[in-house]
Amino acid sequence: MNPRTQGLLGGIYWKQGRYEEAAGKFLFMTQYWDVDSPVYLRLADCYKKLNQPKKAAYILEKVLPGMNKKT
């Protein structure tokens, strides 16, 4: 399955509250495709809701510095 499809499924799982499955899809996207900040923010949110604050913080520390850059 391609990364775009993985992202769509991740979004569906996230909306359904299926955070573990959503995190897997978002993580796949970050590993195999150049993704933007919203994917990382959703991934961090999944980790937060799965009571994994260290993983959530790691993702946020990785993505937040790049959110202020102008393209």
PDB file of N, CA and C in Angstrom:
ATOM      1  N   MET A   1       0.840  -1.170   0.000  1.00  0.00           N
ATOM      2  CA  MET A   1       0.000   0.000   0.000  1.00  0.00           C
ATOM      3  C   MET A   1       0.894   1.246   0.000  1.00  0.00           C
ATOM      4  N   ASN A   2       0.552   2.206  -0.808  1.00  0.00           N
ATOM      5  CA  ASN A   2       1.398   3.399  -0.901  1.00  0.00           C
ATOM      6  C   ASN A   2       1.197   4.328   0.302  1.00  0.00           C
ATOM      7  N   PRO A   3       2.151   5.219   0.529  1.00  0.00           N
ATOM      8  CA  PRO A   3       2.088   6.100   1.701  1.00  0.00           C
ATOM      9  C   PRO A   3       0.846   6.985   1.751  1.00  0.00           C
ATOM     10  N   ARG A   4       0.378   7.432   0.606  1.00  0.00           N
ATOM     11  CA  ARG A   4      -0.814   8.290   0.597  1.00  0.00           C
ATOM     12  C   ARG A   4      -2.030   7.525   1.125  1.00  0.00           C
ATOM     13  N   THR A   5      -2.178   6.294   0.680  1.00  0.00           N
ATOM     14  CA  THR A   5      -3.273   5.458   1.162  1.00  0.00           C
ATOM     15  C   THR A   5      -3.128   5.196   2.656  1.00  0.00           C
ATOM     16  N   GLN A   6      -1.888   4.969   3.092  1.00  0.00           N
ATOM     17  CA  GLN A   6      -1.629   4.767   4.517  1.00  0.00           C
ATOM     18  C   GLN A   6      -2.087   5.996   5.317  1.00  0.00           C
ATOM     19  N   GLY A   7      -1.807   7.176   4.784  1.00  0.00           N
ATOM     20  CA  GLY A   7      -2.206   8.408   5.458  1.00  0.00           C
ATOM     21  C   GLY A   7      -3.712   8.567   5.542  1.00  0.00           C
ATOM     22  N   LEU A   8      -4.399   8.217   4.469  1.00  0.00           N
ATOM     23  CA  LEU A   8      -5.863   8.294   4.483  1.00  0.00           C
ATOM     24  C   LEU A   8      -6.443   7.340   5.522  1.00  0.00           C
ATOM     25  N   LEU A   9      -5.903   6.122   5.561  1.00  0.00           N
ATOM     26  CA  LEU A   9      -6.355   5.166   6.570  1.00  0.00           C
ATOM     27  C   LEU A   9      -6.036   5.658   7.979  1.00  0.00           C
ATOM     28  N   GLY A  10      -4.857   6.236   8.143  1.00  0.00           N
ATOM     29  CA  GLY A  10      -4.480   6.783   9.443  1.00  0.00           C
ATOM     30  C   GLY A  10      -5.466   7.836   9.908  1.00  0.00           C
ATOM     31  N   GLY A  11      -5.875   8.704   8.996  1.00  0.00           N
ATOM     32  CA  GLY A  11      -6.852   9.736   9.331  1.00  0.00           C
ATOM     33  C   GLY A  11      -8.198   9.158   9.733  1.00  0.00           C
ATOM     34  N   ILE A  12      -8.611   8.117   9.036  1.00  0.00           N
ATOM     35  CA  ILE A  12      -9.879   7.456   9.373  1.00  0.00           C
ATOM     36  C   ILE A  12      -9.786   6.810  10.750  1.00  0.00           C
ATOM     37  N   TYR A  13      -8.700   6.069  10.976  1.00  0.00           N
ATOM     38  CA  TYR A  13      -8.517   5.429  12.281  1.00  0.00           C
ATOM     39  C   TYR A  13      -8.468   6.468  13.400  1.00  0.00           C
ATOM     40  N   TRP A  14      -7.785   7.585  13.155  1.00  0.00           N
ATOM     41  CA  TRP A  14      -7.667   8.647  14.158  1.00  0.00           C
ATOM     42  C   TRP A  14      -9.049   9.193  14.520  1.00  0.00           C
ATOM     43  N   LYS A  15      -9.866   9.444  13.498  1.00  0.00           N
ATOM     44  CA  LYS A  15     -11.218   9.969  13.743  1.00  0.00           C
ATOM     45  C   LYS A  15     -12.091   8.971  14.494  1.00  0.00           C
ATOM     46  N   GLN A  16     -11.809   7.682  14.299  1.00  0.00           N
ATOM     47  CA  GLN A  16     -12.573   6.634  14.981  1.00  0.00           C
ATOM     48  C   GLN A  16     -12.044   6.344  16.385  1.00  0.00           C
ATOM     49  N   GLY A  17     -10.957   6.989  16.767  1.00  0.00           N
ATOM     50  CA  GLY A  17     -10.372   6.731  18.077  1.00  0.00           C
ATOM     51  C   GLY A  17      -9.514   5.480  18.119  1.00  0.00           C
ATOM     52  N   ARG A  18      -9.146   4.975  16.965  1.00  0.00           N
ATOM     53  CA  ARG A  18      -8.296   3.781  16.871  1.00  0.00           C
ATOM     54  C   ARG A  18      -6.841   4.251  16.755  1.00  0.00           C
ATOM     55  N   TYR A  19      -6.336   4.779  17.868  1.00  0.00           N
ATOM     56  CA  TYR A  19      -5.070   5.510  17.854  1.00  0.00           C
ATOM     57  C   TYR A  19      -3.851   4.637  17.597  1.00  0.00           C
ATOM     58  N   GLU A  20      -3.872   3.409  18.058  1.00  0.00           N
ATOM     59  CA  GLU A  20      -2.724   2.533  17.813  1.00  0.00           C
ATOM     60  C   GLU A  20      -2.592   2.233  16.323  1.00  0.00           C
ATOM     61  N   GLU A  21      -3.701   1.933  15.679  1.00  0.00           N
ATOM     62  CA  GLU A  21      -3.682   1.669  14.244  1.00  0.00           C
ATOM     63  C   GLU A  21      -3.324   2.934  13.463  1.00  0.00           C
ATOM     64  N   ALA A  22      -3.866   4.058  13.889  1.00  0.00           N
ATOM     65  CA  ALA A  22      -3.566   5.329  13.228  1.00  0.00           C
ATOM     66  C   ALA A  22      -2.086   5.657  13.341  1.00  0.00           C
ATOM     67  N   ALA A  23      -1.519   5.465  14.523  1.00  0.00           N
ATOM     68  CA  ALA A  23      -0.098   5.756  14.724  1.00  0.00           C
ATOM     69  C   ALA A  23       0.762   4.923  13.785  1.00  0.00           C
ATOM     70  N   GLY A  24       0.406   3.674  13.600  1.00  0.00           N
ATOM     71  CA  GLY A  24       1.153   2.817  12.683  1.00  0.00           C
ATOM     72  C   GLY A  24       1.136   3.349  11.261  1.00  0.00           C
ATOM     73  N   LYS A  25       0.000   3.827  10.819  1.00  0.00           N
ATOM     74  CA  LYS A  25      -0.116   4.377   9.462  1.00  0.00           C
ATOM     75  C   LYS A  25       0.671   5.676   9.329  1.00  0.00           C
ATOM     76  N   PHE A  26       0.556   6.560  10.334  1.00  0.00           N
ATOM     77  CA  PHE A  26       1.289   7.824  10.276  1.00  0.00           C
ATOM     78  C   PHE A  26       2.792   7.585  10.348  1.00  0.00           C
ATOM     79  N   LEU A  27       3.201   6.640  11.176  1.00  0.00           N
ATOM     80  CA  LEU A  27       4.623   6.324  11.291  1.00  0.00           C
ATOM     81  C   LEU A  27       5.162   5.795   9.967  1.00  0.00           C
ATOM     82  N   PHE A  28       4.384   4.947   9.305  1.00  0.00           N
ATOM     83  CA  PHE A  28       4.774   4.440   7.987  1.00  0.00           C
ATOM     84  C   PHE A  28       5.015   5.605   7.033  1.00  0.00           C
ATOM     85  N   MET A  29       4.105   6.569   7.055  1.00  0.00           N
ATOM     86  CA  MET A  29       4.246   7.724   6.163  1.00  0.00           C
ATOM     87  C   MET A  29       5.537   8.485   6.424  1.00  0.00           C
ATOM     88  N   THR A  30       5.875   8.677   7.693  1.00  0.00           N
ATOM     89  CA  THR A  30       7.068   9.463   8.016  1.00  0.00           C
ATOM     90  C   THR A  30       8.343   8.744   7.606  1.00  0.00           C
ATOM     91  N   GLN A  31       8.298   7.428   7.537  1.00  0.00           N
ATOM     92  CA  GLN A  31       9.486   6.656   7.196  1.00  0.00           C
ATOM     93  C   GLN A  31       9.700   6.521   5.692  1.00  0.00           C
ATOM     94  N   TYR A  32       8.625   6.568   4.918  1.00  0.00           N
ATOM     95  CA  TYR A  32       8.744   6.284   3.497  1.00  0.00           C
ATOM     96  C   TYR A  32       8.321   7.412   2.569  1.00  0.00           C
ATOM     97  N   TRP A  33       7.959   8.559   3.144  1.00  0.00           N
ATOM     98  CA  TRP A  33       7.479   9.647   2.308  1.00  0.00           C
ATOM     99  C   TRP A  33       7.805  10.960   2.985  1.00  0.00           C
ATOM    100  N   ASP A  34       8.077  11.972   2.213  1.00  0.00           N
ATOM    101  CA  ASP A  34       8.336  13.303   2.764  1.00  0.00           C
ATOM    102  C   ASP A  34       6.985  13.908   3.142  1.00  0.00           C
ATOM    103  N   VAL A  35       6.725  13.973   4.438  1.00  0.00           N
ATOM    104  CA  VAL A  35       5.418  14.438   4.907  1.00  0.00           C
ATOM    105  C   VAL A  35       5.543  15.794   5.589  1.00  0.00           C
ATOM    106  N   ASP A  36       4.413  16.459   5.732  1.00  0.00           N
ATOM    107  CA  ASP A  36       4.424  17.771   6.373  1.00  0.00           C
ATOM    108  C   ASP A  36       3.996  17.668   7.838  1.00  0.00           C
ATOM    109  N   SER A  37       4.015  18.786   8.498  1.00  0.00           N
ATOM    110  CA  SER A  37       3.796  18.850   9.947  1.00  0.00           C
ATOM    111  C   SER A  37       2.494  18.222  10.438  1.00  0.00           C
ATOM    112  N   PRO A  38       1.357  18.372   9.747  1.00  0.00           N
ATOM    113  CA  PRO A  38       0.124  17.790  10.285  1.00  0.00           C
ATOM    114  C   PRO A  38       0.202  16.283  10.540  1.00  0.00           C
ATOM    115  N   VAL A  39       0.944  15.568   9.717  1.00  0.00           N
ATOM    116  CA  VAL A  39       1.088  14.125   9.933  1.00  0.00           C
ATOM    117  C   VAL A  39       1.812  13.867  11.251  1.00  0.00           C
ATOM    118  N   TYR A  40       2.880  14.617  11.486  1.00  0.00           N
ATOM    119  CA  TYR A  40       3.618  14.461  12.739  1.00  0.00           C
ATOM    120  C   TYR A  40       2.767  14.867  13.941  1.00  0.00           C
ATOM    121  N   LEU A  41       1.968  15.905  13.781  1.00  0.00           N
ATOM    122  CA  LEU A  41       1.106  16.341  14.883  1.00  0.00           C
ATOM    123  C   LEU A  41       0.054  15.289  15.211  1.00  0.00           C
ATOM    124  N   ARG A  42      -0.502  14.666  14.189  1.00  0.00           N
ATOM    125  CA  ARG A  42      -1.466  13.587  14.427  1.00  0.00           C
ATOM    126  C   ARG A  42      -0.783  12.395  15.090  1.00  0.00           C
ATOM    127  N   LEU A  43       0.437  12.077  14.636  1.00  0.00           N
ATOM    128  CA  LEU A  43       1.188  10.978  15.238  1.00  0.00           C
ATOM    129  C   LEU A  43       1.443  11.258  16.715  1.00  0.00           C
ATOM    130  N   ALA A  44       1.866  12.474  17.023  1.00  0.00           N
ATOM    131  CA  ALA A  44       2.101  12.849  18.423  1.00  0.00           C
ATOM    132  C   ALA A  44       0.809  12.762  19.232  1.00  0.00           C
ATOM    133  N   ASP A  45      -0.297  13.173  18.647  1.00  0.00           N
ATOM    134  CA  ASP A  45      -1.582  13.092  19.334  1.00  0.00           C
ATOM    135  C   ASP A  45      -1.954  11.639  19.623  1.00  0.00           C
ATOM    136  N   CYS A  46      -1.687  10.756  18.670  1.00  0.00           N
ATOM    137  CA  CYS A  46      -1.949   9.328  18.898  1.00  0.00           C
ATOM    138  C   CYS A  46      -1.153   8.823  20.091  1.00  0.00           C
ATOM    139  N   TYR A  47       0.131   9.155  20.120  1.00  0.00           N
ATOM    140  CA  TYR A  47       0.973   8.706  21.232  1.00  0.00           C
ATOM    141  C   TYR A  47       0.472   9.269  22.560  1.00  0.00           C
ATOM    142  N   LYS A  48       0.047  10.519  22.545  1.00  0.00           N
ATOM    143  CA  LYS A  48      -0.487  11.133  23.770  1.00  0.00           C
ATOM    144  C   LYS A  48      -1.720  10.372  24.253  1.00  0.00           C
ATOM    145  N   LYS A  49      -2.611  10.062  23.335  1.00  0.00           N
ATOM    146  CA  LYS A  49      -3.842   9.372  23.708  1.00  0.00           C
ATOM    147  C   LYS A  49      -3.600   7.913  24.077  1.00  0.00           C
ATOM    148  N   LEU A  50      -2.471   7.372  23.642  1.00  0.00           N
ATOM    149  CA  LEU A  50      -2.090   6.006  24.014  1.00  0.00           C
ATOM    150  C   LEU A  50      -1.249   5.984  25.293  1.00  0.00           C
ATOM    151  N   ASN A  51      -1.193   7.124  25.978  1.00  0.00           N
ATOM    152  CA  ASN A  51      -0.432   7.269  27.221  1.00  0.00           C
ATOM    153  C   ASN A  51       1.059   6.969  27.007  1.00  0.00           C
ATOM    154  N   GLN A  52       1.591   7.511  25.920  1.00  0.00           N
ATOM    155  CA  GLN A  52       3.012   7.383  25.612  1.00  0.00           C
ATOM    156  C   GLN A  52       3.598   8.790  25.434  1.00  0.00           C
ATOM    157  N   PRO A  53       3.635   9.567  26.532  1.00  0.00           N
ATOM    158  CA  PRO A  53       4.042  10.968  26.421  1.00  0.00           C
ATOM    159  C   PRO A  53       5.476  11.176  25.940  1.00  0.00           C
ATOM    160  N   LYS A  54       6.373  10.243  26.226  1.00  0.00           N
ATOM    161  CA  LYS A  54       7.756  10.405  25.764  1.00  0.00           C
ATOM    162  C   LYS A  54       7.839  10.336  24.246  1.00  0.00           C
ATOM    163  N   LYS A  55       7.083   9.418  23.654  1.00  0.00           N
ATOM    164  CA  LYS A  55       7.059   9.330  22.191  1.00  0.00           C
ATOM    165  C   LYS A  55       6.415  10.579  21.593  1.00  0.00           C
ATOM    166  N   ALA A  56       5.345  11.052  22.212  1.00  0.00           N
ATOM    167  CA  ALA A  56       4.676  12.263  21.729  1.00  0.00           C
ATOM    168  C   ALA A  56       5.626  13.450  21.788  1.00  0.00           C
ATOM    169  N   ALA A  57       6.337  13.583  22.895  1.00  0.00           N
ATOM    170  CA  ALA A  57       7.278  14.697  23.053  1.00  0.00           C
ATOM    171  C   ALA A  57       8.403  14.614  22.030  1.00  0.00           C
ATOM    172  N   TYR A  58       8.898  13.418  21.775  1.00  0.00           N
ATOM    173  CA  TYR A  58       9.965  13.241  20.785  1.00  0.00           C
ATOM    174  C   TYR A  58       9.504  13.721  19.408  1.00  0.00           C
ATOM    175  N   ILE A  59       8.308  13.331  19.021  1.00  0.00           N
ATOM    176  CA  ILE A  59       7.772  13.740  17.717  1.00  0.00           C
ATOM    177  C   ILE A  59       7.617  15.255  17.669  1.00  0.00           C
ATOM    178  N   LEU A  60       7.070  15.841  18.714  1.00  0.00           N
ATOM    179  CA  LEU A  60       6.868  17.293  18.731  1.00  0.00           C
ATOM    180  C   LEU A  60       8.195  18.047  18.695  1.00  0.00           C
ATOM    181  N   GLU A  61       9.187  17.556  19.409  1.00  0.00           N
ATOM    182  CA  GLU A  61      10.504  18.202  19.382  1.00  0.00           C
ATOM    183  C   GLU A  61      11.117  18.135  17.991  1.00  0.00           C
ATOM    184  N   LYS A  62      10.791  17.088  17.266  1.00  0.00           N
ATOM    185  CA  LYS A  62      11.317  16.915  15.917  1.00  0.00           C
ATOM    186  C   LYS A  62      10.637  17.856  14.922  1.00  0.00           C
ATOM    187  N   VAL A  63       9.344  18.063  15.074  1.00  0.00           N
ATOM    188  CA  VAL A  63       8.583  18.788  14.057  1.00  0.00           C
ATOM    189  C   VAL A  63       8.390  20.272  14.357  1.00  0.00           C
ATOM    190  N   LEU A  64       8.277  20.648  15.617  1.00  0.00           N
ATOM    191  CA  LEU A  64       7.960  22.043  15.937  1.00  0.00           C
ATOM    192  C   LEU A  64       8.982  23.052  15.428  1.00  0.00           C
ATOM    193  N   PRO A  65      10.284  22.794  15.515  1.00  0.00           N
ATOM    194  CA  PRO A  65      11.231  23.787  14.988  1.00  0.00           C
ATOM    195  C   PRO A  65      11.015  24.100  13.505  1.00  0.00           C
ATOM    196  N   GLY A  66      10.600  23.133  12.728  1.00  0.00           N
ATOM    197  CA  GLY A  66      10.387  23.342  11.302  1.00  0.00           C
ATOM    198  C   GLY A  66       9.095  24.046  10.955  1.00  0.00           C
ATOM    199  N   MET A  67       8.174  24.147  11.889  1.00  0.00           N
ATOM    200  CA  MET A  67       6.886  24.775  11.600  1.00  0.00           C
ATOM    201  C   MET A  67       7.000  26.281  11.443  1.00  0.00           C
ATOM    202  N   ASN A  68       8.036  26.889  11.978  1.00  0.00           N
ATOM    203  CA  ASN A  68       8.197  28.340  11.883  1.00  0.00           C
ATOM    204  C   ASN A  68       8.972  28.774  10.644  1.00  0.00           C
ATOM    205  N   LYS A  69       9.505  27.817   9.903  1.00  0.00           N
ATOM    206  CA  LYS A  69      10.285  28.163   8.712  1.00  0.00           C
ATOM    207  C   LYS A  69       9.361  28.571   7.578  1.00  0.00           C
ATOM    208  N   LYS A  70       9.765  29.593   6.852  1.00  0.00           N
ATOM    209  CA  LYS A  70       9.003  30.035   5.687  1.00  0.00           C
ATOM    210  C   LYS A  70       9.522  29.295   4.469  1.00  0.00           C
ATOM    211  N   THR A  71       8.592  28.902   3.597  1.00  0.00           N
ATOM    212  CA  THR A  71       8.988  28.195   2.378  1.00  0.00           C
ATOM    213  C   THR A  71       8.973  29.104   1.196  1.00  0.00           C
TER     214      THR A  71
END
